[in-house]
N, C-alpha and C. Protein backbone atom coordinates (compact mmCIF):
# COMPACT_ATOMS: atom_id res chain seq x y z
N MET A 1 0.85 -1.19 0.00
CA MET A 1 0.00 0.00 0.00
C MET A 1 0.89 1.24 0.00
N SER A 2 0.63 2.19 -0.90
CA SER A 2 1.45 3.39 -1.00
C SER A 2 1.15 4.33 0.15
N GLU A 3 2.13 5.12 0.51
CA GLU A 3 1.99 6.07 1.62
C GLU A 3 1.05 7.20 1.23
N ASP A 4 0.24 7.63 2.21
CA ASP A 4 -0.70 8.73 1.98
C ASP A 4 0.09 10.01 1.71
N PRO A 5 -0.07 10.65 0.54
CA PRO A 5 0.71 11.88 0.25
C PRO A 5 0.31 13.05 1.14
N PHE A 6 -0.83 12.94 1.84
CA PHE A 6 -1.29 14.02 2.70
C PHE A 6 -0.97 13.76 4.17
N ALA A 7 -0.21 12.72 4.47
CA ALA A 7 0.01 12.31 5.86
C ALA A 7 0.69 13.38 6.69
N THR A 8 1.47 14.25 6.06
CA THR A 8 2.21 15.28 6.82
C THR A 8 1.56 16.65 6.73
N PHE A 9 0.35 16.73 6.18
CA PHE A 9 -0.31 18.02 6.01
C PHE A 9 -1.06 18.48 7.26
N ASP A 10 -1.33 17.56 8.23
CA ASP A 10 -2.24 17.87 9.31
C ASP A 10 -1.79 19.07 10.17
N ALA A 11 -0.52 19.05 10.62
CA ALA A 11 -0.04 20.12 11.48
C ALA A 11 -0.01 21.46 10.76
N ALA A 12 0.47 21.45 9.51
CA ALA A 12 0.52 22.69 8.74
C ALA A 12 -0.89 23.24 8.50
N TYR A 13 -1.87 22.34 8.31
CA TYR A 13 -3.26 22.78 8.10
C TYR A 13 -3.80 23.44 9.36
N VAL A 14 -3.59 22.82 10.53
CA VAL A 14 -4.09 23.37 11.79
C VAL A 14 -3.45 24.72 12.09
N LEU A 15 -2.15 24.86 11.76
CA LEU A 15 -1.42 26.10 12.05
C LEU A 15 -1.59 27.14 10.95
N GLY A 16 -2.35 26.82 9.89
CA GLY A 16 -2.59 27.79 8.82
C GLY A 16 -1.39 28.02 7.92
N ALA A 17 -0.53 27.02 7.79
CA ALA A 17 0.71 27.19 7.03
C ALA A 17 0.63 26.65 5.61
N LEU A 18 -0.50 26.06 5.24
CA LEU A 18 -0.62 25.54 3.88
C LEU A 18 -0.95 26.66 2.89
N SER A 19 -0.51 26.49 1.66
CA SER A 19 -0.88 27.43 0.61
C SER A 19 -2.36 27.24 0.31
N PRO A 20 -3.02 28.25 -0.28
CA PRO A 20 -4.46 28.09 -0.60
C PRO A 20 -4.76 26.86 -1.43
N GLU A 21 -3.88 26.54 -2.40
CA GLU A 21 -4.11 25.37 -3.25
C GLU A 21 -4.01 24.08 -2.45
N ASP A 22 -2.94 23.97 -1.60
CA ASP A 22 -2.77 22.76 -0.79
C ASP A 22 -3.89 22.64 0.24
N ARG A 23 -4.36 23.77 0.77
CA ARG A 23 -5.45 23.74 1.74
C ARG A 23 -6.73 23.17 1.11
N ARG A 24 -7.04 23.61 -0.12
CA ARG A 24 -8.23 23.09 -0.80
C ARG A 24 -8.09 21.59 -1.08
N ARG A 25 -6.91 21.17 -1.53
CA ARG A 25 -6.68 19.75 -1.81
C ARG A 25 -6.81 18.92 -0.53
N PHE A 26 -6.25 19.42 0.57
CA PHE A 26 -6.28 18.66 1.82
C PHE A 26 -7.70 18.59 2.39
N GLU A 27 -8.45 19.69 2.30
CA GLU A 27 -9.82 19.68 2.80
C GLU A 27 -10.69 18.71 2.02
N ALA A 28 -10.45 18.62 0.70
CA ALA A 28 -11.17 17.62 -0.09
C ALA A 28 -10.78 16.21 0.35
N HIS A 29 -9.49 16.01 0.65
CA HIS A 29 -9.00 14.70 1.10
C HIS A 29 -9.60 14.32 2.45
N LEU A 30 -9.81 15.31 3.34
CA LEU A 30 -10.33 15.02 4.67
C LEU A 30 -11.73 14.40 4.63
N ARG A 31 -12.47 14.67 3.57
CA ARG A 31 -13.82 14.14 3.49
C ARG A 31 -13.85 12.64 3.23
N THR A 32 -12.72 12.08 2.79
CA THR A 32 -12.68 10.64 2.47
C THR A 32 -11.65 9.88 3.30
N CYS A 33 -10.84 10.58 4.09
CA CYS A 33 -9.77 9.91 4.85
C CYS A 33 -10.01 10.08 6.34
N ASP A 34 -10.47 9.02 7.00
CA ASP A 34 -10.75 9.08 8.44
C ASP A 34 -9.48 9.30 9.25
N ARG A 35 -8.35 8.73 8.77
CA ARG A 35 -7.09 8.85 9.53
C ARG A 35 -6.63 10.30 9.58
N CYS A 36 -6.63 10.99 8.45
CA CYS A 36 -6.19 12.39 8.43
C CYS A 36 -7.18 13.27 9.19
N ALA A 37 -8.47 12.98 9.08
CA ALA A 37 -9.48 13.76 9.80
C ALA A 37 -9.29 13.62 11.30
N ALA A 38 -9.00 12.38 11.77
CA ALA A 38 -8.76 12.16 13.20
C ALA A 38 -7.50 12.89 13.65
N SER A 39 -6.46 12.90 12.81
CA SER A 39 -5.22 13.59 13.16
C SER A 39 -5.44 15.09 13.29
N VAL A 40 -6.26 15.67 12.38
CA VAL A 40 -6.57 17.10 12.46
C VAL A 40 -7.34 17.41 13.75
N ARG A 41 -8.28 16.53 14.11
CA ARG A 41 -9.03 16.76 15.36
C ARG A 41 -8.11 16.69 16.57
N GLU A 42 -7.12 15.79 16.55
CA GLU A 42 -6.19 15.69 17.67
C GLU A 42 -5.35 16.95 17.84
N LEU A 43 -5.02 17.60 16.73
CA LEU A 43 -4.16 18.78 16.78
C LEU A 43 -4.94 20.09 16.78
N ALA A 44 -6.29 20.02 16.79
CA ALA A 44 -7.10 21.22 16.63
C ALA A 44 -6.87 22.23 17.76
N GLY A 45 -6.52 21.75 18.95
CA GLY A 45 -6.32 22.67 20.07
C GLY A 45 -4.97 23.34 20.10
N LEU A 46 -4.06 22.96 19.20
CA LEU A 46 -2.70 23.49 19.26
C LEU A 46 -2.63 25.00 19.09
N PRO A 47 -3.35 25.62 18.11
CA PRO A 47 -3.27 27.09 18.00
C PRO A 47 -3.78 27.80 19.25
N GLY A 48 -4.85 27.26 19.87
CA GLY A 48 -5.36 27.88 21.09
C GLY A 48 -4.38 27.79 22.23
N LEU A 49 -3.67 26.64 22.32
CA LEU A 49 -2.66 26.49 23.38
C LEU A 49 -1.51 27.47 23.18
N LEU A 50 -1.06 27.60 21.95
CA LEU A 50 0.03 28.53 21.66
C LEU A 50 -0.38 29.98 21.93
N ALA A 51 -1.67 30.29 21.68
CA ALA A 51 -2.15 31.67 21.88
C ALA A 51 -2.19 32.06 23.34
N ARG A 52 -2.20 31.06 24.24
CA ARG A 52 -2.27 31.38 25.66
C ARG A 52 -0.93 31.78 26.25
N VAL A 53 0.13 31.62 25.51
CA VAL A 53 1.47 31.85 26.05
C VAL A 53 1.86 33.31 25.92
N ASP A 54 2.25 33.92 27.03
CA ASP A 54 2.73 35.30 27.04
C ASP A 54 4.24 35.32 26.88
N ALA A 55 4.76 36.35 26.22
CA ALA A 55 6.21 36.52 26.09
C ALA A 55 6.81 36.85 27.45
N PRO A 56 7.96 36.30 27.81
CA PRO A 56 8.59 36.60 29.11
C PRO A 56 9.05 38.05 29.17
N ALA A 57 9.11 38.59 30.43
CA ALA A 57 9.53 39.97 30.63
C ALA A 57 10.96 40.18 30.16
N ALA A 58 11.82 39.21 30.39
CA ALA A 58 13.21 39.33 29.96
C ALA A 58 13.65 38.00 29.38
N VAL A 59 14.28 38.04 28.26
CA VAL A 59 14.73 36.81 27.59
C VAL A 59 16.25 36.75 27.63
N PRO A 60 16.81 35.71 28.24
CA PRO A 60 18.27 35.60 28.27
C PRO A 60 18.81 35.30 26.88
N GLU A 61 20.06 35.58 26.70
CA GLU A 61 20.70 35.30 25.42
C GLU A 61 20.87 33.79 25.27
N LEU A 62 20.19 33.23 24.28
CA LEU A 62 20.24 31.79 24.05
C LEU A 62 20.54 31.53 22.58
N SER A 63 21.08 30.38 22.33
CA SER A 63 21.34 30.01 20.95
C SER A 63 20.04 29.71 20.23
N ALA A 64 20.05 29.74 18.92
CA ALA A 64 18.84 29.49 18.13
C ALA A 64 18.35 28.06 18.37
N PRO A 65 17.02 27.84 18.40
CA PRO A 65 16.49 26.49 18.61
C PRO A 65 16.83 25.59 17.43
N PRO A 66 16.98 24.30 17.67
CA PRO A 66 17.29 23.38 16.57
C PRO A 66 16.14 23.35 15.57
N PRO A 67 16.41 23.09 14.29
CA PRO A 67 15.36 23.11 13.26
C PRO A 67 14.32 22.01 13.44
N ASP A 68 14.64 20.94 14.17
CA ASP A 68 13.69 19.85 14.32
C ASP A 68 12.88 19.96 15.60
N LEU A 69 12.88 21.15 16.25
CA LEU A 69 12.18 21.31 17.52
C LEU A 69 10.68 21.13 17.36
N LEU A 70 10.05 21.82 16.38
CA LEU A 70 8.61 21.72 16.20
C LEU A 70 8.16 20.30 15.85
N PRO A 71 8.83 19.60 14.89
CA PRO A 71 8.42 18.22 14.62
C PRO A 71 8.47 17.32 15.86
N LYS A 72 9.50 17.53 16.73
CA LYS A 72 9.60 16.72 17.93
C LYS A 72 8.43 16.99 18.86
N VAL A 73 8.05 18.27 18.99
CA VAL A 73 6.92 18.62 19.86
C VAL A 73 5.63 18.02 19.33
N LEU A 74 5.42 18.09 17.99
CA LEU A 74 4.21 17.53 17.41
C LEU A 74 4.13 16.02 17.62
N ARG A 75 5.30 15.36 17.48
CA ARG A 75 5.30 13.91 17.73
C ARG A 75 4.96 13.60 19.18
N ARG A 76 5.48 14.45 20.10
CA ARG A 76 5.20 14.24 21.51
C ARG A 76 3.72 14.44 21.82
N VAL A 77 3.12 15.46 21.18
CA VAL A 77 1.69 15.71 21.39
C VAL A 77 0.87 14.53 20.91
N ARG A 78 1.19 14.04 19.68
CA ARG A 78 0.44 12.90 19.14
C ARG A 78 0.60 11.67 20.02
N ARG A 79 1.85 11.41 20.48
CA ARG A 79 2.09 10.24 21.30
C ARG A 79 1.33 10.33 22.61
N GLY A 80 1.28 11.53 23.19
CA GLY A 80 0.55 11.72 24.44
C GLY A 80 -0.93 11.48 24.30
N ARG A 81 -1.50 11.83 23.11
CA ARG A 81 -2.93 11.64 22.89
C ARG A 81 -3.29 10.17 22.72
N ARG A 82 -2.32 9.34 22.36
CA ARG A 82 -2.61 7.92 22.17
C ARG A 82 -2.63 7.15 23.49
N ILE A 83 -2.08 7.75 24.52
CA ILE A 83 -2.01 7.07 25.82
C ILE A 83 -3.38 7.11 26.48
N ARG A 84 -3.90 5.99 26.91
CA ARG A 84 -5.18 5.93 27.57
C ARG A 84 -4.96 5.62 29.05
N LEU A 85 -5.20 6.61 29.91
CA LEU A 85 -5.00 6.47 31.35
C LEU A 85 -6.31 6.11 32.02
N ALA A 86 -6.26 5.79 33.29
CA ALA A 86 -7.46 5.47 34.03
C ALA A 86 -8.37 6.69 34.14
N VAL A 87 -7.78 7.84 34.23
CA VAL A 87 -8.56 9.08 34.25
C VAL A 87 -8.96 9.39 32.82
N THR A 88 -10.22 9.47 32.51
CA THR A 88 -10.67 9.60 31.13
C THR A 88 -10.64 11.02 30.63
N SER A 89 -10.51 12.01 31.51
CA SER A 89 -10.50 13.40 31.05
C SER A 89 -9.26 14.09 31.59
N ALA A 90 -8.52 14.72 30.72
CA ALA A 90 -7.36 15.52 31.11
C ALA A 90 -7.16 16.57 30.05
N SER A 91 -6.61 17.68 30.43
CA SER A 91 -6.39 18.77 29.48
C SER A 91 -4.90 19.01 29.37
N ALA A 92 -4.40 19.17 28.14
CA ALA A 92 -2.97 19.39 27.93
C ALA A 92 -2.74 20.85 27.60
N ALA A 93 -1.75 21.46 28.26
CA ALA A 93 -1.39 22.85 27.98
C ALA A 93 0.05 22.89 27.49
N LEU A 94 0.25 23.52 26.35
CA LEU A 94 1.58 23.61 25.75
C LEU A 94 2.16 24.97 26.08
N ALA A 95 3.30 25.02 26.80
CA ALA A 95 3.91 26.28 27.19
C ALA A 95 5.15 26.52 26.35
N VAL A 96 5.30 27.72 25.82
CA VAL A 96 6.44 28.07 24.98
C VAL A 96 7.10 29.31 25.57
N SER A 97 8.41 29.30 25.77
CA SER A 97 9.14 30.44 26.29
C SER A 97 10.21 30.84 25.30
N ALA A 98 10.04 32.05 24.70
CA ALA A 98 10.99 32.61 23.74
C ALA A 98 11.28 31.67 22.59
N CYS A 99 10.32 30.80 22.26
CA CYS A 99 10.43 29.86 21.14
C CYS A 99 11.59 28.89 21.28
N VAL A 100 12.10 28.70 22.51
CA VAL A 100 13.22 27.77 22.67
C VAL A 100 12.92 26.67 23.68
N ALA A 101 11.85 26.83 24.49
CA ALA A 101 11.55 25.81 25.48
C ALA A 101 10.06 25.52 25.42
N LEU A 102 9.66 24.24 25.24
CA LEU A 102 8.26 23.86 25.14
C LEU A 102 8.02 22.69 26.08
N ALA A 103 6.82 22.66 26.68
CA ALA A 103 6.48 21.57 27.59
C ALA A 103 4.99 21.36 27.55
N VAL A 104 4.56 20.11 27.73
CA VAL A 104 3.15 19.78 27.79
C VAL A 104 2.80 19.50 29.25
N VAL A 105 1.78 20.22 29.75
CA VAL A 105 1.41 20.12 31.15
C VAL A 105 -0.03 19.64 31.22
N ALA A 106 -0.29 18.58 31.95
CA ALA A 106 -1.65 18.07 32.11
C ALA A 106 -2.33 18.78 33.26
N SER A 107 -3.60 19.14 33.07
CA SER A 107 -4.38 19.82 34.09
C SER A 107 -5.62 19.03 34.38
N ALA A 108 -5.89 18.75 35.64
CA ALA A 108 -7.06 17.95 36.00
C ALA A 108 -8.32 18.75 35.77
N PRO A 109 -9.40 18.10 35.28
CA PRO A 109 -10.66 18.80 35.04
C PRO A 109 -11.35 19.12 36.35
N PRO A 110 -12.31 20.03 36.33
CA PRO A 110 -13.05 20.34 37.55
C PRO A 110 -13.90 19.15 37.96
N PRO A 111 -14.34 19.08 39.22
CA PRO A 111 -15.08 17.92 39.70
C PRO A 111 -16.34 17.64 38.90
N ALA A 112 -17.06 18.68 38.50
CA ALA A 112 -18.30 18.47 37.75
C ALA A 112 -18.32 19.36 36.53
N SER A 113 -18.61 18.80 35.37
CA SER A 113 -18.66 19.57 34.14
C SER A 113 -20.03 20.21 33.98
N PRO A 114 -20.10 21.44 33.48
CA PRO A 114 -21.39 22.08 33.25
C PRO A 114 -22.11 21.40 32.10
N PRO A 115 -23.44 21.55 32.02
CA PRO A 115 -24.20 20.91 30.94
C PRO A 115 -23.94 21.60 29.60
N SER A 116 -24.23 20.89 28.53
CA SER A 116 -24.13 21.47 27.19
C SER A 116 -25.30 22.43 26.97
N LEU A 117 -25.02 23.51 26.24
CA LEU A 117 -26.03 24.53 25.96
C LEU A 117 -26.30 24.58 24.46
N ALA A 118 -27.56 24.62 24.09
CA ALA A 118 -27.93 24.68 22.68
C ALA A 118 -27.66 26.08 22.13
N MET A 119 -27.06 26.16 20.95
CA MET A 119 -26.81 27.43 20.30
C MET A 119 -28.08 27.87 19.55
N THR A 120 -28.35 29.17 19.55
CA THR A 120 -29.56 29.72 18.94
C THR A 120 -29.34 29.97 17.46
N ALA A 121 -30.27 29.48 16.62
CA ALA A 121 -30.18 29.71 15.18
C ALA A 121 -30.51 31.17 14.87
N LEU A 122 -29.73 31.78 13.98
CA LEU A 122 -29.92 33.17 13.60
C LEU A 122 -30.62 33.27 12.23
N GLY A 123 -31.28 32.22 11.83
CA GLY A 123 -31.99 32.19 10.56
C GLY A 123 -32.33 30.76 10.21
N GLN A 124 -32.82 30.55 9.00
CA GLN A 124 -33.17 29.21 8.54
C GLN A 124 -31.94 28.58 7.88
N PHE A 125 -31.13 27.91 8.69
CA PHE A 125 -29.90 27.29 8.20
C PHE A 125 -29.93 25.79 8.53
N PRO A 126 -29.36 24.95 7.67
CA PRO A 126 -29.37 23.49 7.89
C PRO A 126 -28.27 23.04 8.84
N VAL A 127 -28.10 23.74 9.94
CA VAL A 127 -27.03 23.42 10.89
C VAL A 127 -27.52 23.72 12.30
N ARG A 128 -27.13 22.89 13.24
CA ARG A 128 -27.43 23.12 14.65
C ARG A 128 -26.25 22.65 15.48
N ALA A 129 -26.14 23.19 16.70
CA ALA A 129 -24.98 22.84 17.54
C ALA A 129 -25.31 23.08 19.00
N ASP A 130 -24.57 22.40 19.85
CA ASP A 130 -24.59 22.69 21.28
C ASP A 130 -23.16 22.68 21.78
N ALA A 131 -22.91 23.38 22.87
CA ALA A 131 -21.53 23.54 23.36
C ALA A 131 -21.49 23.46 24.88
N ARG A 132 -20.40 22.90 25.39
CA ARG A 132 -20.14 22.88 26.81
C ARG A 132 -18.84 23.62 27.06
N LEU A 133 -18.81 24.48 28.08
CA LEU A 133 -17.62 25.27 28.39
C LEU A 133 -17.11 24.87 29.76
N ASP A 134 -15.83 24.46 29.81
CA ASP A 134 -15.19 24.09 31.07
C ASP A 134 -14.13 25.14 31.42
N ALA A 135 -14.19 25.66 32.63
CA ALA A 135 -13.26 26.68 33.08
C ALA A 135 -12.00 26.04 33.68
N PHE A 136 -10.82 26.54 33.28
CA PHE A 136 -9.54 26.10 33.82
C PHE A 136 -8.73 27.32 34.23
N ASP A 137 -7.62 27.07 34.91
CA ASP A 137 -6.74 28.18 35.30
C ASP A 137 -6.19 28.91 34.09
N TRP A 138 -5.94 28.17 33.00
CA TRP A 138 -5.33 28.78 31.81
C TRP A 138 -6.35 29.44 30.89
N GLY A 139 -7.66 29.21 31.11
CA GLY A 139 -8.67 29.78 30.23
C GLY A 139 -9.91 28.92 30.18
N THR A 140 -10.44 28.66 28.98
CA THR A 140 -11.70 27.93 28.81
C THR A 140 -11.56 26.88 27.73
N GLN A 141 -12.09 25.69 27.99
CA GLN A 141 -12.15 24.65 26.97
C GLN A 141 -13.57 24.58 26.43
N VAL A 142 -13.69 24.61 25.10
CA VAL A 142 -14.98 24.53 24.43
C VAL A 142 -15.13 23.15 23.81
N ASP A 143 -16.20 22.46 24.18
CA ASP A 143 -16.52 21.14 23.61
C ASP A 143 -17.85 21.29 22.87
N MET A 144 -17.79 21.32 21.54
CA MET A 144 -18.97 21.61 20.74
C MET A 144 -19.27 20.46 19.78
N GLN A 145 -20.56 20.16 19.61
CA GLN A 145 -21.01 19.20 18.61
C GLN A 145 -21.91 19.93 17.63
N CYS A 146 -21.61 19.78 16.35
CA CYS A 146 -22.30 20.51 15.29
C CYS A 146 -22.80 19.50 14.26
N SER A 147 -24.09 19.55 13.95
CA SER A 147 -24.67 18.60 13.00
C SER A 147 -25.33 19.35 11.85
N TYR A 148 -25.44 18.67 10.72
CA TYR A 148 -25.91 19.28 9.48
C TYR A 148 -26.94 18.36 8.83
N THR A 149 -27.85 18.96 8.06
CA THR A 149 -28.86 18.20 7.35
C THR A 149 -28.97 18.70 5.93
N GLY A 150 -29.08 17.77 4.98
CA GLY A 150 -29.29 18.15 3.59
C GLY A 150 -28.01 18.51 2.87
N ASP A 151 -28.07 18.52 1.55
CA ASP A 151 -26.90 18.82 0.73
C ASP A 151 -26.43 20.26 0.89
N ARG A 152 -27.33 21.17 1.25
CA ARG A 152 -26.95 22.57 1.36
C ARG A 152 -26.04 22.85 2.55
N SER A 153 -25.85 21.86 3.41
CA SER A 153 -25.00 22.07 4.57
C SER A 153 -23.52 21.97 4.24
N SER A 154 -23.18 21.51 3.03
CA SER A 154 -21.77 21.39 2.66
C SER A 154 -21.11 22.77 2.64
N GLY A 155 -19.87 22.84 3.08
CA GLY A 155 -19.15 24.11 3.07
C GLY A 155 -18.27 24.24 4.29
N GLU A 156 -17.67 25.41 4.43
CA GLU A 156 -16.76 25.67 5.53
C GLU A 156 -17.47 26.41 6.65
N TYR A 157 -17.14 26.03 7.89
CA TYR A 157 -17.71 26.67 9.06
C TYR A 157 -16.57 27.17 9.95
N VAL A 158 -16.87 28.21 10.74
CA VAL A 158 -15.88 28.83 11.60
C VAL A 158 -16.48 28.99 13.00
N LEU A 159 -15.72 28.63 14.03
CA LEU A 159 -16.13 28.87 15.42
C LEU A 159 -15.38 30.09 15.93
N VAL A 160 -16.13 31.09 16.41
CA VAL A 160 -15.56 32.36 16.85
C VAL A 160 -15.96 32.62 18.30
N ALA A 161 -14.99 33.03 19.14
CA ALA A 161 -15.24 33.45 20.51
C ALA A 161 -15.25 34.97 20.56
N ILE A 162 -16.23 35.53 21.27
CA ILE A 162 -16.36 36.99 21.40
C ILE A 162 -16.23 37.35 22.87
N SER A 163 -15.26 38.21 23.19
CA SER A 163 -15.05 38.60 24.58
C SER A 163 -16.03 39.71 24.97
N ARG A 164 -16.10 40.02 26.25
CA ARG A 164 -17.02 41.06 26.72
C ARG A 164 -16.58 42.45 26.27
N SER A 165 -15.32 42.58 25.85
CA SER A 165 -14.85 43.86 25.30
C SER A 165 -15.13 43.95 23.80
N GLY A 166 -15.69 42.90 23.20
CA GLY A 166 -16.01 42.90 21.79
C GLY A 166 -14.93 42.31 20.90
N GLU A 167 -13.82 41.86 21.48
CA GLU A 167 -12.73 41.27 20.68
C GLU A 167 -13.14 39.88 20.20
N GLU A 168 -12.86 39.58 18.93
CA GLU A 168 -13.21 38.29 18.35
C GLU A 168 -11.96 37.44 18.14
N THR A 169 -12.07 36.16 18.47
CA THR A 169 -10.97 35.21 18.29
C THR A 169 -11.48 34.00 17.54
N GLN A 170 -10.86 33.68 16.39
CA GLN A 170 -11.24 32.49 15.63
C GLN A 170 -10.62 31.27 16.29
N LEU A 171 -11.47 30.34 16.73
CA LEU A 171 -10.99 29.16 17.44
C LEU A 171 -10.75 27.96 16.52
N ALA A 172 -11.61 27.77 15.52
CA ALA A 172 -11.47 26.57 14.67
C ALA A 172 -12.22 26.77 13.36
N THR A 173 -11.76 26.08 12.33
CA THR A 173 -12.48 26.00 11.05
C THR A 173 -12.58 24.53 10.67
N TRP A 174 -13.67 24.17 10.00
CA TRP A 174 -13.85 22.79 9.60
C TRP A 174 -14.81 22.73 8.42
N LYS A 175 -14.81 21.58 7.74
CA LYS A 175 -15.69 21.33 6.61
C LYS A 175 -16.90 20.53 7.07
N ALA A 176 -18.08 20.94 6.61
CA ALA A 176 -19.30 20.23 6.94
C ALA A 176 -19.46 19.02 6.04
N VAL A 177 -20.00 17.97 6.61
CA VAL A 177 -20.36 16.77 5.85
C VAL A 177 -21.86 16.57 6.05
N PRO A 178 -22.68 16.59 4.96
CA PRO A 178 -24.13 16.46 5.11
C PRO A 178 -24.51 15.23 5.92
N ASP A 179 -25.56 15.39 6.76
CA ASP A 179 -26.09 14.30 7.59
C ASP A 179 -25.01 13.69 8.48
N ASN A 180 -24.13 14.54 8.98
CA ASN A 180 -23.06 14.07 9.85
C ASN A 180 -22.94 15.02 11.04
N THR A 181 -22.24 14.59 12.10
CA THR A 181 -22.02 15.42 13.29
C THR A 181 -20.52 15.57 13.51
N ALA A 182 -20.07 16.82 13.64
CA ALA A 182 -18.66 17.09 13.92
C ALA A 182 -18.51 17.47 15.39
N ARG A 183 -17.43 17.02 16.00
CA ARG A 183 -17.14 17.40 17.38
C ARG A 183 -15.85 18.21 17.40
N ILE A 184 -15.93 19.39 18.00
CA ILE A 184 -14.78 20.29 18.09
C ILE A 184 -14.45 20.47 19.57
N VAL A 185 -13.23 20.13 19.96
CA VAL A 185 -12.75 20.36 21.33
C VAL A 185 -11.52 21.24 21.23
N ILE A 186 -11.60 22.44 21.77
CA ILE A 186 -10.51 23.40 21.59
C ILE A 186 -10.45 24.35 22.79
N GLY A 187 -9.28 24.89 23.04
CA GLY A 187 -9.09 25.80 24.17
C GLY A 187 -8.89 27.23 23.73
N THR A 188 -9.24 28.16 24.61
CA THR A 188 -9.00 29.57 24.39
C THR A 188 -8.45 30.19 25.67
N ALA A 189 -7.60 31.19 25.53
CA ALA A 189 -7.01 31.83 26.70
C ALA A 189 -8.01 32.68 27.45
N LEU A 190 -9.16 32.99 26.85
CA LEU A 190 -10.18 33.79 27.52
C LEU A 190 -10.75 33.03 28.72
N LYS A 191 -10.86 33.72 29.85
CA LYS A 191 -11.50 33.11 31.01
C LYS A 191 -12.99 32.95 30.74
N ARG A 192 -13.59 32.00 31.41
CA ARG A 192 -15.02 31.74 31.22
C ARG A 192 -15.85 33.00 31.49
N THR A 193 -15.46 33.76 32.51
CA THR A 193 -16.22 34.97 32.86
C THR A 193 -15.98 36.10 31.87
N ASP A 194 -14.93 36.00 31.03
CA ASP A 194 -14.64 37.04 30.04
C ASP A 194 -15.30 36.78 28.70
N LEU A 195 -15.90 35.59 28.53
CA LEU A 195 -16.55 35.25 27.27
C LEU A 195 -17.96 35.81 27.25
N ALA A 196 -18.28 36.54 26.18
CA ALA A 196 -19.63 37.07 26.01
C ALA A 196 -20.49 36.16 25.15
N ALA A 197 -19.87 35.52 24.14
CA ALA A 197 -20.65 34.68 23.22
C ALA A 197 -19.74 33.79 22.40
N LEU A 198 -20.32 32.73 21.85
CA LEU A 198 -19.70 31.89 20.82
C LEU A 198 -20.59 31.95 19.59
N GLU A 199 -19.96 31.99 18.41
CA GLU A 199 -20.73 32.01 17.18
C GLU A 199 -20.18 30.97 16.21
N VAL A 200 -21.09 30.29 15.49
CA VAL A 200 -20.72 29.46 14.35
C VAL A 200 -21.07 30.28 13.11
N ARG A 201 -20.08 30.49 12.25
CA ARG A 201 -20.26 31.31 11.06
C ARG A 201 -19.97 30.50 9.81
N GLY A 202 -20.58 30.92 8.70
CA GLY A 202 -20.29 30.31 7.43
C GLY A 202 -18.97 30.80 6.89
N GLY A 203 -18.50 30.20 5.80
CA GLY A 203 -17.22 30.59 5.22
C GLY A 203 -17.17 32.04 4.81
N SER A 204 -18.34 32.65 4.53
CA SER A 204 -18.37 34.07 4.15
C SER A 204 -18.33 34.99 5.36
N GLY A 205 -18.38 34.43 6.55
CA GLY A 205 -18.37 35.24 7.77
C GLY A 205 -19.75 35.53 8.33
N ARG A 206 -20.79 35.02 7.69
CA ARG A 206 -22.16 35.27 8.16
C ARG A 206 -22.46 34.44 9.39
N PRO A 207 -22.93 35.07 10.50
CA PRO A 207 -23.28 34.30 11.70
C PRO A 207 -24.47 33.40 11.45
N LEU A 208 -24.35 32.12 11.82
CA LEU A 208 -25.42 31.16 11.64
C LEU A 208 -26.03 30.75 12.97
N LEU A 209 -25.19 30.53 13.99
CA LEU A 209 -25.63 30.12 15.32
C LEU A 209 -24.91 30.97 16.35
N ARG A 210 -25.58 31.21 17.48
CA ARG A 210 -24.96 32.03 18.53
C ARG A 210 -25.33 31.47 19.89
N LEU A 211 -24.34 31.45 20.79
CA LEU A 211 -24.55 31.10 22.18
C LEU A 211 -24.15 32.29 23.03
N THR A 212 -25.12 32.95 23.64
CA THR A 212 -24.85 34.11 24.48
C THR A 212 -24.59 33.63 25.89
N LEU A 213 -23.49 34.08 26.48
CA LEU A 213 -23.06 33.58 27.80
C LEU A 213 -23.28 34.63 28.89
């Protein structure tokens, strides 16, 4: 069996490093390849984890990081996700200091998770979703399930977090598959009390669903 030519596209896709042409090719591939789709879901939280890291007040003089640092970190993240512990829920936080030191830190979940909340439709759209928000010391984890009906549901969707100051943060993008349910689990540096709303938007930026917090 020949090697999947898209096997190494997952991390670059999640980090937004693919060219527009490669992004379109990979998104088309994701609709037929369960392995690549699962890999993208595993890495979906990586941009949110990186966004939570603040630059240090003072950076000592250090040599440049080795060129294979990022691939090693990605392999470590993937390997960690394959481990099944007795505790079924854990959250991983990736800390980066001056782009030369990275570490994965596990954080225990709160004793009781809040219930999932249904998102309100902002029109007649063939999509519905509900989301659960878990508060952590580092920010908020969003666990959302989004389902679609009919052929018109095909297309790109975007999950956006809106802070109480009005600042918008794009958390995730994904492709809809008609008559299917997508699950998005991703973190944001915004505290639970600082979140004003979550929105699911179409590829054109039009709000389709909203959860007011």
